[in-house]
């Protein structure tokens, strides 16, 4: 009988999480964040990093307590209640469904701008087909592809930062070390929080690695370490990169917000560098798409094993490759919706579900370690009470900074989940089916 095999090392899991973040997206979304924060992009990433670090600590604690696939769904279900666990899985499922589509749509949009004779839909379909084939074949193949694509991304980011530094030092009007990118004359806390709420989208890689627990060597140690390492790596990369880019272009005004990074690339490196940057950005979106589709399919597999959703469809593995092929293909089919909607509409779903799930996980740590197990001495006070409260508070602060469209769409999805839970539990009279952790 096919089964998931434990082949992934710490390095491979960290690589997966960082690839899921698509590090080069810090450049791809720079214009939108610059506009949102009034030219204080690094501060938005710093605010997001603080919130995400404390939440990542909570994830690492829960990953050690429950070293199995399922992400927030598993942690909340086992530590608080089956019904809340289902809702945590439901809201994060929305993210996992839509993140691959958003990633592929961004890449397709850039390619369509560069080659307008080829339709955006055709580029999107090409992304979907190639990524789906890689994931059906299996994680070992995907790991090899991601290693190459990550190297290309990092080189492009390093070149962008180096050219930004060269531009600033040559220009001579701005010091290389300044607080202005973090807090300029237009800065306001509401702008920073709104930008931070958007920037958190880039940090979802630490959640994604938890879905690989069933395929990781010694997951009880490896997954918690990977969660922290992915969060720290992303924080440093996003803050440092956005700092030097903001120095090179202090203004938050661009000819085209969506392609602001191309405008900056031309400013600091000319037309030749613009070409290299475009290639790197598309490669980054492709690498992130591989990871995003993998995570979505694994979360569906975890819920399928539980029979919360159809076990016959979602809980099956391919006989040849031992991968959840049905789920991988479903993610690809859902992404075809991207041919009919734009990036902003799709992305508006994502952070609502992520923040809600993050708050659930912070509460899980408090309930599991502090309340149930009564671990309340010394360092445990910080680890299992104060830090999760900080994670909960900062995440809630970003949550209420989301725009109205995100709330509206998110509430609709949450209500659908509550209705389905009522159906599944005979109007909440019984628990959802129990997950089998094998």
Protein backbone atom coordinates (compact mmCIF):
# COMPACT_ATOMS: atom_id res chain seq x y z
CA UNK A 1 0.00 0.00 0.00
CA UNK A 2 1.49 3.44 -0.90
CA UNK A 3 2.52 5.68 1.99
CA UNK A 4 4.38 8.91 2.63
CA UNK A 5 8.08 8.20 3.27
CA UNK A 6 10.42 10.08 5.64
CA UNK A 7 13.16 11.35 3.33
CA UNK A 8 13.44 15.08 4.10
CA UNK A 9 16.30 16.51 6.19
CA UNK A 10 16.34 19.81 8.12
CA UNK A 11 18.08 21.56 5.21
CA UNK A 12 15.51 20.27 2.73
CA UNK A 13 12.58 21.37 4.91
CA UNK A 14 14.09 24.84 5.46
CA UNK A 15 14.71 25.15 1.73
CA UNK A 16 11.10 24.20 1.11
CA UNK A 17 9.85 26.84 3.56
CA UNK A 18 12.06 29.61 2.17
CA UNK A 19 11.12 28.63 -1.40
CA UNK A 20 7.45 28.79 -0.36
CA UNK A 21 8.05 32.39 0.71
CA UNK A 22 9.45 33.18 -2.77
CA UNK A 23 12.11 35.57 -1.39
CA UNK A 24 12.13 37.61 -4.59
CA UNK A 25 8.51 38.57 -3.92
CA UNK A 26 9.94 41.32 -1.65
CA UNK A 27 10.80 43.05 -4.94
CA UNK A 28 7.66 42.00 -6.79
CA UNK A 29 5.35 43.60 -4.19
CA UNK A 30 7.60 46.54 -3.29
CA UNK A 31 5.48 49.13 -5.10
CA UNK A 32 2.24 48.15 -3.36
CA UNK A 33 3.90 48.16 0.07
CA UNK A 34 5.68 51.47 -0.60
CA UNK A 35 2.34 53.04 -1.48
CA UNK A 36 0.61 51.47 1.56
CA UNK A 37 3.30 52.59 4.05
CA UNK A 38 4.16 55.92 2.40
CA UNK A 39 7.74 54.85 1.76
CA UNK A 40 8.43 52.80 4.90
CA UNK A 41 8.52 49.25 3.50
CA UNK A 42 11.27 47.93 5.86
CA UNK A 43 9.18 49.00 8.85
CA UNK A 44 6.20 47.06 7.53
CA UNK A 45 8.36 43.96 7.24
CA UNK A 46 9.77 44.56 10.73
CA UNK A 47 6.25 44.78 12.18
CA UNK A 48 5.25 41.62 10.34
CA UNK A 49 8.45 39.85 11.44
CA UNK A 50 7.80 40.57 15.13
CA UNK A 51 4.26 39.20 14.94
CA UNK A 52 5.32 36.20 12.90
CA UNK A 53 8.30 35.35 15.13
CA UNK A 54 6.19 34.96 18.26
CA UNK A 55 3.61 33.00 16.30
CA UNK A 56 6.38 30.84 14.82
CA UNK A 57 7.51 30.05 18.38
CA UNK A 58 3.99 28.82 19.10
CA UNK A 59 4.05 26.72 15.94
CA UNK A 60 7.38 25.20 16.97
CA UNK A 61 6.01 24.23 20.40
CA UNK A 62 2.96 22.59 18.86
CA UNK A 63 5.03 20.84 16.19
CA UNK A 64 7.08 19.24 18.96
CA UNK A 65 3.95 18.20 20.85
CA UNK A 66 2.23 16.85 17.72
CA UNK A 67 4.84 15.93 15.05
CA UNK A 68 2.31 15.05 12.35
CA UNK A 69 1.00 16.70 9.20
CA UNK A 70 -1.96 19.03 9.34
CA UNK A 71 -0.65 22.44 10.45
CA UNK A 72 -3.02 24.62 12.52
CA UNK A 73 -5.77 22.08 11.91
CA UNK A 74 -3.89 19.41 13.87
CA UNK A 75 -2.65 21.67 16.67
CA UNK A 76 -5.99 23.29 17.51
CA UNK A 77 -7.88 20.03 17.16
CA UNK A 78 -5.65 18.16 19.58
CA UNK A 79 -5.06 20.95 22.09
CA UNK A 80 -8.41 22.79 22.30
CA UNK A 81 -11.32 21.01 20.61
CA UNK A 82 -12.21 19.01 17.54
CA UNK A 83 -14.73 21.59 16.35
CA UNK A 84 -12.37 24.56 16.64
CA UNK A 85 -9.70 22.43 15.02
CA UNK A 86 -11.97 21.89 12.06
CA UNK A 87 -12.57 25.64 11.73
CA UNK A 88 -8.82 26.34 11.98
CA UNK A 89 -8.27 23.86 9.18
CA UNK A 90 -11.10 25.37 7.19
CA UNK A 91 -9.77 28.94 7.27
CA UNK A 92 -6.17 27.91 6.55
CA UNK A 93 -7.45 25.66 3.76
CA UNK A 94 -8.64 28.79 1.97
CA UNK A 95 -5.08 30.12 2.01
CA UNK A 96 -3.58 26.90 0.76
CA UNK A 97 -6.09 26.75 -2.07
CA UNK A 98 -5.54 30.32 -3.21
CA UNK A 99 -1.83 30.89 -2.57
CA UNK A 100 -0.69 28.71 -5.52
CA UNK A 101 -3.10 30.56 -7.78
CA UNK A 102 -1.86 33.99 -6.61
CA UNK A 103 1.77 32.92 -7.07
CA UNK A 104 1.20 31.61 -10.59
CA UNK A 105 -0.94 34.63 -11.47
CA UNK A 106 1.81 37.07 -10.46
CA UNK A 107 4.36 35.19 -12.55
CA UNK A 108 1.97 35.01 -15.50
CA UNK A 109 1.26 38.75 -15.22
CA UNK A 110 4.95 39.66 -15.45
CA UNK A 111 5.47 37.34 -18.42
CA UNK A 112 2.39 38.74 -20.15
CA UNK A 113 3.75 42.27 -19.68
CA UNK A 114 7.07 41.19 -21.18
CA UNK A 115 5.47 39.18 -24.02
CA UNK A 116 2.05 40.74 -24.61
CA UNK A 117 1.43 38.61 -27.71
CA UNK A 118 1.00 35.58 -25.41
CA UNK A 119 -2.16 35.78 -23.33
CA UNK A 120 -2.02 35.85 -19.54
CA UNK A 121 -4.25 32.76 -19.41
CA UNK A 122 -1.79 30.77 -21.50
CA UNK A 123 1.11 31.72 -19.23
CA UNK A 124 -0.98 30.80 -16.18
CA UNK A 125 -1.88 27.40 -17.62
CA UNK A 126 1.79 26.75 -18.41
CA UNK A 127 2.73 27.47 -14.78
CA UNK A 128 -0.01 25.14 -13.53
CA UNK A 129 0.82 22.23 -15.83
CA UNK A 130 4.60 22.21 -15.25
CA UNK A 131 4.30 22.63 -11.47
CA UNK A 132 1.63 19.93 -11.21
CA UNK A 133 3.77 17.41 -13.09
CA UNK A 134 6.73 18.10 -10.77
CA UNK A 135 4.62 17.61 -7.65
CA UNK A 136 2.96 14.43 -8.92
CA UNK A 137 6.39 12.89 -9.52
CA UNK A 138 7.27 13.59 -5.88
CA UNK A 139 9.07 15.71 -3.32
CA UNK A 140 12.55 14.41 -4.07
CA UNK A 141 12.28 15.72 -7.63
CA UNK A 142 10.64 18.94 -6.43
CA UNK A 143 13.48 19.38 -3.90
CA UNK A 144 16.07 19.20 -6.68
CA UNK A 145 14.18 21.74 -8.80
CA UNK A 146 13.74 24.09 -5.83
CA UNK A 147 17.47 24.02 -5.01
CA UNK A 148 18.35 25.33 -8.47
CA UNK A 149 15.58 27.91 -8.56
CA UNK A 150 16.43 29.17 -5.06
CA UNK A 151 20.04 29.80 -6.09
CA UNK A 152 18.84 31.91 -9.03
CA UNK A 153 16.50 33.92 -6.78
CA UNK A 154 19.18 34.63 -4.19
CA UNK A 155 21.64 35.74 -6.88
CA UNK A 156 19.08 38.17 -8.34
CA UNK A 157 18.28 39.58 -4.88
CA UNK A 158 21.99 39.95 -4.09
CA UNK A 159 22.53 41.78 -7.38
CA UNK A 160 19.56 44.07 -6.69
CA UNK A 161 20.86 44.94 -3.21
CA UNK A 162 24.44 45.45 -4.48
CA UNK A 163 23.28 47.77 -7.27
CA UNK A 164 21.07 49.67 -4.81
CA UNK A 165 24.06 50.21 -2.51
CA UNK A 166 26.20 51.29 -5.48
CA UNK A 167 23.51 53.72 -6.62
CA UNK A 168 23.15 55.26 -3.14
CA UNK A 169 26.90 55.64 -2.58
CA UNK A 170 27.45 57.05 -6.07
CA UNK A 171 24.54 59.45 -5.82
CA UNK A 172 25.89 60.81 -2.54
CA UNK A 173 22.66 62.53 -1.46
CA UNK A 174 21.59 59.79 0.97
CA UNK A 175 23.70 58.16 3.72
CA UNK A 176 24.03 54.39 3.46
CA UNK A 177 22.75 53.93 6.99
CA UNK A 178 19.62 55.86 7.83
CA UNK A 179 16.42 55.49 9.82
CA UNK A 180 14.34 57.12 7.10
CA UNK A 181 13.36 53.83 5.35
CA UNK A 182 11.85 52.78 8.70
CA UNK A 183 10.20 56.06 9.67
CA UNK A 184 10.14 59.03 7.31
CA UNK A 185 8.17 62.28 7.45
CA UNK A 186 5.05 60.57 6.03
CA UNK A 187 5.08 57.65 8.48
CA UNK A 188 2.03 56.82 10.57
CA UNK A 189 1.28 53.74 12.68
CA UNK A 190 -1.90 52.98 10.74
CA UNK A 191 0.05 52.96 7.46
CA UNK A 192 2.73 50.69 8.94
CA UNK A 193 0.17 48.23 10.31
CA UNK A 194 -1.72 48.15 7.01
CA UNK A 195 1.55 47.46 5.23
CA UNK A 196 2.53 44.86 7.83
CA UNK A 197 -0.79 43.07 7.34
CA UNK A 198 0.02 42.75 3.64
CA UNK A 199 3.69 41.88 4.25
CA UNK A 200 2.70 38.90 6.42
CA UNK A 201 1.70 37.13 3.21
CA UNK A 202 5.43 36.68 2.56
CA UNK A 203 5.99 34.79 5.84
CA UNK A 204 3.62 31.87 5.33
CA UNK A 205 6.52 29.50 4.64
CA UNK A 206 6.90 28.69 8.35
CA UNK A 207 3.34 27.37 8.43
CA UNK A 208 3.87 25.42 5.22
CA UNK A 209 6.74 23.30 6.58
CA UNK A 210 4.43 21.79 9.22
CA UNK A 211 2.56 19.98 6.45
CA UNK A 212 5.70 17.91 5.72
CA UNK A 213 5.87 16.24 9.15
CA UNK A 214 4.92 12.82 7.75
CA UNK A 215 7.76 13.02 5.20
CA UNK A 216 10.51 14.42 7.44
CA UNK A 217 13.23 12.55 9.33
CA UNK A 218 12.80 12.92 13.12
CA UNK A 219 9.93 15.44 12.74
CA UNK A 220 9.69 16.13 16.49
CA UNK A 221 13.08 17.89 16.34
CA UNK A 222 13.37 18.83 12.67
CA UNK A 223 10.03 20.62 12.13
CA UNK A 224 10.29 22.99 15.17
CA UNK A 225 13.84 23.95 14.16
CA UNK A 226 12.79 24.48 10.56
CA UNK A 227 9.89 26.73 11.61
CA UNK A 228 12.21 29.11 13.51
CA UNK A 229 14.96 29.03 10.87
CA UNK A 230 12.52 29.77 8.03
CA UNK A 231 11.00 32.69 9.97
CA UNK A 232 14.39 34.20 10.85
CA UNK A 233 15.76 33.73 7.33
CA UNK A 234 12.69 35.37 5.80
CA UNK A 235 12.77 38.26 8.29
CA UNK A 236 16.40 39.12 7.65
CA UNK A 237 16.08 38.77 3.89
CA UNK A 238 12.91 40.87 3.58
CA UNK A 239 14.01 43.65 5.95
CA UNK A 240 17.54 44.01 4.56
CA UNK A 241 16.47 43.87 0.92
CA UNK A 242 13.60 46.35 1.32
CA UNK A 243 15.86 48.69 3.34
CA UNK A 244 18.43 49.13 0.57
CA UNK A 245 15.80 49.28 -2.17
CA UNK A 246 13.93 51.96 -0.19
CA UNK A 247 17.20 53.90 0.14
CA UNK A 248 17.70 53.75 -3.62
CA UNK A 249 14.12 54.89 -4.24
CA UNK A 250 12.85 56.83 -1.17
CA UNK A 251 9.67 57.91 -2.95
CA UNK A 252 6.45 55.89 -2.89
CA UNK A 253 5.35 57.27 -6.25
CA UNK A 254 5.80 55.11 -9.36
CA UNK A 255 4.58 55.22 -12.94
CA UNK A 256 3.08 51.75 -12.50
CA UNK A 257 2.67 50.40 -8.96
CA UNK A 258 2.47 46.75 -10.08
CA UNK A 259 5.81 46.95 -11.90
CA UNK A 260 7.57 49.33 -9.50
CA UNK A 261 10.52 46.98 -9.02
CA UNK A 262 11.21 47.00 -12.76
CA UNK A 263 11.27 50.80 -12.64
CA UNK A 264 13.78 50.69 -9.78
CA UNK A 265 15.83 47.96 -11.51
CA UNK A 266 16.17 50.18 -14.57
CA UNK A 267 17.13 53.12 -12.38
CA UNK A 268 19.94 51.27 -10.58
CA UNK A 269 21.12 48.83 -13.27
CA UNK A 270 19.80 49.78 -16.71
CA UNK A 271 17.94 47.73 -19.31
CA UNK A 272 20.22 44.69 -19.12
CA UNK A 273 19.63 44.25 -15.40
CA UNK A 274 15.88 44.65 -15.94
CA UNK A 275 15.97 41.51 -18.11
CA UNK A 276 17.86 39.53 -15.47
CA UNK A 277 15.50 40.75 -12.77
CA UNK A 278 12.43 39.73 -14.76
CA UNK A 279 13.84 36.23 -15.22
CA UNK A 280 14.61 35.97 -11.51
CA UNK A 281 11.15 37.14 -10.50
CA UNK A 282 9.42 34.59 -12.73
CA UNK A 283 11.76 31.83 -11.50
CA UNK A 284 10.95 32.80 -7.92
CA UNK A 285 7.23 32.57 -8.56
CA UNK A 286 7.71 29.15 -10.14
CA UNK A 287 9.74 27.82 -7.18
CA UNK A 288 7.21 29.17 -4.70
CA UNK A 289 4.39 27.62 -6.72
CA UNK A 290 5.97 24.17 -6.42
CA UNK A 291 6.10 24.50 -2.62
CA UNK A 292 2.63 26.04 -2.32
CA UNK A 293 0.93 23.29 -4.31
CA UNK A 294 2.80 20.66 -2.29
CA UNK A 295 1.59 22.13 1.01
CA UNK A 296 -2.01 22.45 -0.17
CA UNK A 297 -2.10 18.83 -1.32
CA UNK A 298 -0.62 17.60 2.01
CA UNK A 299 -3.14 19.53 4.10
CA UNK A 300 -5.97 18.09 2.03
CA UNK A 301 -4.44 14.65 2.49
CA UNK A 302 -4.36 15.12 6.29
CA UNK A 303 -8.02 16.17 6.32
CA UNK A 304 -8.89 13.33 3.94
CA UNK A 305 -7.32 10.74 6.25
CA UNK A 306 -9.56 12.14 8.97
CA UNK A 307 -12.59 11.76 6.68
CA UNK A 308 -13.54 15.37 7.42
CA UNK A 309 -13.56 15.65 3.66
CA UNK A 310 -13.97 12.65 1.39
CA UNK A 311 -11.40 10.03 2.36
CA UNK A 312 -11.86 8.17 -0.92
CA UNK A 313 -10.77 11.22 -2.91
CA UNK A 314 -8.53 13.32 -0.66
CA UNK A 315 -7.00 10.56 1.49
CA UNK A 316 -5.56 8.48 -1.36
CA UNK A 317 -1.98 8.28 -2.63
CA UNK A 318 -0.77 7.53 -6.14
CA UNK A 319 0.36 3.89 -6.40
CA UNK A 320 3.44 4.72 -8.46
CA UNK A 321 4.74 7.94 -6.91
CA UNK A 322 3.18 7.77 -3.39
CA UNK A 323 1.96 11.36 -3.71
CA UNK A 324 -1.60 12.71 -3.15
CA UNK A 325 -2.22 13.09 -6.89
CA UNK A 326 -5.94 13.88 -6.62
CA UNK A 327 -5.21 16.82 -4.34
CA UNK A 328 -2.37 18.10 -6.50
CA UNK A 329 -4.58 18.02 -9.59
CA UNK A 330 -7.43 19.72 -7.72
CA UNK A 331 -5.14 22.60 -6.73
CA UNK A 332 -4.22 23.00 -10.38
CA UNK A 333 -7.85 23.02 -11.49
CA UNK A 334 -8.83 25.61 -8.83
CA UNK A 335 -5.95 27.82 -9.99
CA UNK A 336 -7.65 28.06 -13.40
CA UNK A 337 -10.02 30.54 -11.70
CA UNK A 338 -7.06 32.91 -12.04
CA UNK A 339 -7.88 33.25 -15.73
CA UNK A 340 -11.03 35.13 -14.68
CA UNK A 341 -9.91 37.27 -11.70
CA UNK A 342 -7.01 39.55 -10.81
CA UNK A 343 -4.25 39.18 -8.22
CA UNK A 344 -5.75 41.58 -5.68
CA UNK A 345 -9.11 39.80 -5.64
CA UNK A 346 -7.45 36.42 -5.10
CA UNK A 347 -4.92 37.66 -2.55
CA UNK A 348 -7.60 39.38 -0.46
CA UNK A 349 -8.67 35.98 0.86
CA UNK A 350 -5.29 34.86 2.09
CA UNK A 351 -4.36 36.93 5.12
CA UNK A 352 -7.80 36.65 6.76
CA UNK A 353 -7.46 32.88 7.00
CA UNK A 354 -3.79 33.01 7.94
CA UNK A 355 -4.23 35.48 10.80
CA UNK A 356 -7.24 33.62 12.20
CA UNK A 357 -5.33 30.32 12.14
CA UNK A 358 -2.27 31.97 13.72
CA UNK A 359 -4.39 33.27 16.60
CA UNK A 360 -5.84 29.78 17.10
CA UNK A 361 -2.32 28.28 17.30
CA UNK A 362 -1.17 30.84 19.88
CA UNK A 363 -4.21 29.95 21.98
CA UNK A 364 -3.37 26.26 21.50
CA UNK A 365 0.03 26.70 23.17
CA UNK A 366 -1.54 28.39 26.19
CA UNK A 367 -4.26 25.75 26.52
CA UNK A 368 -1.99 22.74 25.93
CA UNK A 369 1.08 23.63 27.98
CA UNK A 370 -0.12 26.23 30.50
CA UNK A 371 -3.67 25.07 31.25
CA UNK A 372 -3.68 21.30 30.62
CA UNK A 373 -0.10 20.31 31.48
CA UNK A 374 0.37 23.10 34.06
CA UNK A 375 3.92 23.90 32.86
CA UNK A 376 4.19 27.21 34.71
CA UNK A 377 7.67 27.49 36.23
CA UNK A 378 10.67 29.57 35.20
CA UNK A 379 11.17 29.84 31.46
CA UNK A 380 7.81 28.12 30.88
CA UNK A 381 6.03 31.33 31.89
CA UNK A 382 7.61 33.08 28.91
CA UNK A 383 7.40 30.15 26.50
CA UNK A 384 3.85 29.01 27.18
CA UNK A 385 2.07 32.17 28.31
CA UNK A 386 3.75 35.52 27.67
CA UNK A 387 5.18 34.81 24.21
CA UNK A 388 1.94 33.24 22.89
CA UNK A 389 -0.02 36.23 24.28
CA UNK A 390 2.34 38.58 22.42
CA UNK A 391 1.91 36.48 19.27
CA UNK A 392 -1.86 36.54 19.70
CA UNK A 393 -1.96 40.29 20.33
CA UNK A 394 0.31 41.33 17.48
CA UNK A 395 -1.46 39.01 15.04
CA UNK A 396 -4.84 40.37 16.12
CA UNK A 397 -3.54 43.91 15.61
CA UNK A 398 -2.57 43.07 12.04
CA UNK A 399 -5.84 41.16 11.58
CA UNK A 400 -7.96 44.23 12.31
CA UNK A 401 -5.75 46.25 9.93
CA UNK A 402 -6.90 44.20 6.93
CA UNK A 403 -9.10 45.93 4.38
CA UNK A 404 -12.88 45.52 4.25
CA UNK A 405 -12.84 43.28 1.18
CA UNK A 406 -10.61 40.75 2.95
CA UNK A 407 -12.97 40.70 5.91
CA UNK A 408 -16.08 40.32 3.78
CA UNK A 409 -14.72 37.44 1.72
CA UNK A 410 -13.14 35.84 4.79
CA UNK A 411 -16.33 35.99 6.84
CA UNK A 412 -18.27 34.38 3.97
CA UNK A 413 -15.78 31.49 3.83
CA UNK A 414 -15.85 31.12 7.65
CA UNK A 415 -19.66 31.00 7.64
CA UNK A 416 -19.59 28.29 4.99
CA UNK A 417 -17.22 26.35 7.24
CA UNK A 418 -19.54 26.67 10.23
CA UNK A 419 -22.48 25.45 8.12
CA UNK A 420 -20.48 22.45 6.88
CA UNK A 421 -19.34 21.71 10.45
CA UNK A 422 -22.96 21.76 11.59
CA UNK A 423 -23.83 19.25 8.86
CA UNK A 424 -20.83 17.07 9.70
CA UNK A 425 -21.57 17.00 13.45
CA UNK A 426 -25.36 16.73 13.37
CA UNK A 427 -25.81 20.35 14.46
CA UNK A 428 -22.74 20.30 16.76
CA UNK A 429 -24.04 17.32 18.78
CA UNK A 430 -20.97 15.19 18.06
CA UNK A 431 -17.31 15.70 17.18
CA UNK A 432 -15.96 15.58 13.63
CA UNK A 433 -14.26 12.27 12.70
CA UNK A 434 -11.04 11.54 14.57
CA UNK A 435 -7.78 11.83 12.60
CA UNK A 436 -5.66 8.70 12.30
CA UNK A 437 -2.00 9.62 12.88
CA UNK A 438 -0.24 6.77 11.07
